[in-house]
Amino acid sequence: MINFKSDFQRTATAILGTFVLTTTFVGAAIGPARAVETAPVTYAAAAQNTGHVNA
């Protein structure tokens, strides 16, 4: 026998969980990209990291 109240609660919980996980995954993907955007690498820092030095 179908219990609509229980089925609705399970469906609502699954949908809510999907939204929470999707938001978390999108946030985790955007975070590193935003960090690179807001902190550009300067020439001096790039030269120091690659071992090149201006003489």
C-alpha atoms as a PDB file:
ATOM      1  CA  MET A   1       0.000   0.000   0.000  1.00  0.00           C
ATOM      2  CA  ILE A   2       1.233   3.506  -0.814  1.00  0.00           C
ATOM      3  CA  ASN A   3       1.713   5.880   2.085  1.00  0.00           C
ATOM      4  CA  PHE A   4       1.574   9.328   0.479  1.00  0.00           C
ATOM      5  CA  LYS A   5       2.649  11.209   3.608  1.00  0.00           C
ATOM      6  CA  SER A   6       5.820   9.147   4.004  1.00  0.00           C
ATOM      7  CA  ASP A   7       6.577   9.218   0.277  1.00  0.00           C
ATOM      8  CA  PHE A   8       6.145  12.991   0.147  1.00  0.00           C
ATOM      9  CA  GLN A   9       8.502  13.463   3.107  1.00  0.00           C
ATOM     10  CA  ARG A  10      11.157  11.280   1.480  1.00  0.00           C
ATOM     11  CA  THR A  11      10.827  13.126  -1.813  1.00  0.00           C
ATOM     12  CA  ALA A  12      11.006  16.542  -0.141  1.00  0.00           C
ATOM     13  CA  THR A  13      14.091  15.461   1.840  1.00  0.00           C
ATOM     14  CA  ALA A  14      15.780  14.145  -1.299  1.00  0.00           C
ATOM     15  CA  ILE A  15      15.078  17.372  -3.199  1.00  0.00           C
ATOM     16  CA  LEU A  16      16.364  19.498  -0.321  1.00  0.00           C
ATOM     17  CA  GLY A  17      19.495  17.356  -0.062  1.00  0.00           C
ATOM     18  CA  THR A  18      20.079  17.701  -3.794  1.00  0.00           C
ATOM     19  CA  PHE A  19      19.914  21.495  -3.574  1.00  0.00           C
ATOM     20  CA  VAL A  20      22.293  21.565  -0.608  1.00  0.00           C
ATOM     21  CA  LEU A  21      24.841  19.307  -2.310  1.00  0.00           C
ATOM     22  CA  THR A  22      24.591  21.184  -5.608  1.00  0.00           C
ATOM     23  CA  THR A  23      25.158  24.504  -3.848  1.00  0.00           C
ATOM     24  CA  THR A  24      28.150  23.062  -2.005  1.00  0.00           C
ATOM     25  CA  PHE A  25      29.721  21.651  -5.163  1.00  0.00           C
ATOM     26  CA  VAL A  26      29.230  24.871  -7.129  1.00  0.00           C
ATOM     27  CA  GLY A  27      30.690  26.888  -4.272  1.00  0.00           C
ATOM     28  CA  ALA A  28      33.695  24.593  -4.085  1.00  0.00           C
ATOM     29  CA  ALA A  29      34.281  24.969  -7.820  1.00  0.00           C
ATOM     30  CA  ILE A  30      33.917  28.756  -7.849  1.00  0.00           C
ATOM     31  CA  GLY A  31      36.029  29.418  -4.744  1.00  0.00           C
ATOM     32  CA  PRO A  32      39.466  28.666  -6.246  1.00  0.00           C
ATOM     33  CA  ALA A  33      38.599  30.529  -9.453  1.00  0.00           C
ATOM     34  CA  ARG A  34      37.620  33.622  -7.477  1.00  0.00           C
ATOM     35  CA  ALA A  35      40.830  33.406  -5.430  1.00  0.00           C
ATOM     36  CA  VAL A  36      42.892  33.588  -8.636  1.00  0.00           C
ATOM     37  CA  GLU A  37      40.768  36.482  -9.933  1.00  0.00           C
ATOM     38  CA  THR A  38      41.211  38.616  -6.836  1.00  0.00           C
ATOM     39  CA  ALA A  39      44.920  37.909  -6.301  1.00  0.00           C
ATOM     40  CA  PRO A  40      46.730  38.262  -9.635  1.00  0.00           C
ATOM     41  CA  VAL A  41      50.312  37.068  -9.814  1.00  0.00           C
ATOM     42  CA  THR A  42      52.809  39.896 -10.133  1.00  0.00           C
ATOM     43  CA  TYR A  43      55.910  39.681 -12.306  1.00  0.00           C
ATOM     44  CA  ALA A  44      58.212  39.587  -9.255  1.00  0.00           C
ATOM     45  CA  ALA A  45      56.276  36.750  -7.674  1.00  0.00           C
ATOM     46  CA  ALA A  46      56.237  34.838 -10.967  1.00  0.00           C
ATOM     47  CA  ALA A  47      59.999  35.262 -11.382  1.00  0.00           C
ATOM     48  CA  GLN A  48      60.618  34.095  -7.836  1.00  0.00           C
ATOM     49  CA  ASN A  49      58.485  30.986  -8.323  1.00  0.00           C
ATOM     50  CA  THR A  50      60.108  29.983 -11.631  1.00  0.00           C
ATOM     51  CA  GLY A  51      63.686  30.701 -10.611  1.00  0.00           C
ATOM     52  CA  HIS A  52      64.190  33.547 -13.092  1.00  0.00           C
ATOM     53  CA  VAL A  53      65.925  36.603 -11.701  1.00  0.00           C
ATOM     54  CA  ASN A  54      66.358  40.003 -13.306  1.00  0.00           C
ATOM     55  CA  ALA A  55      70.075  40.780 -13.491  1.00  0.00           C
END
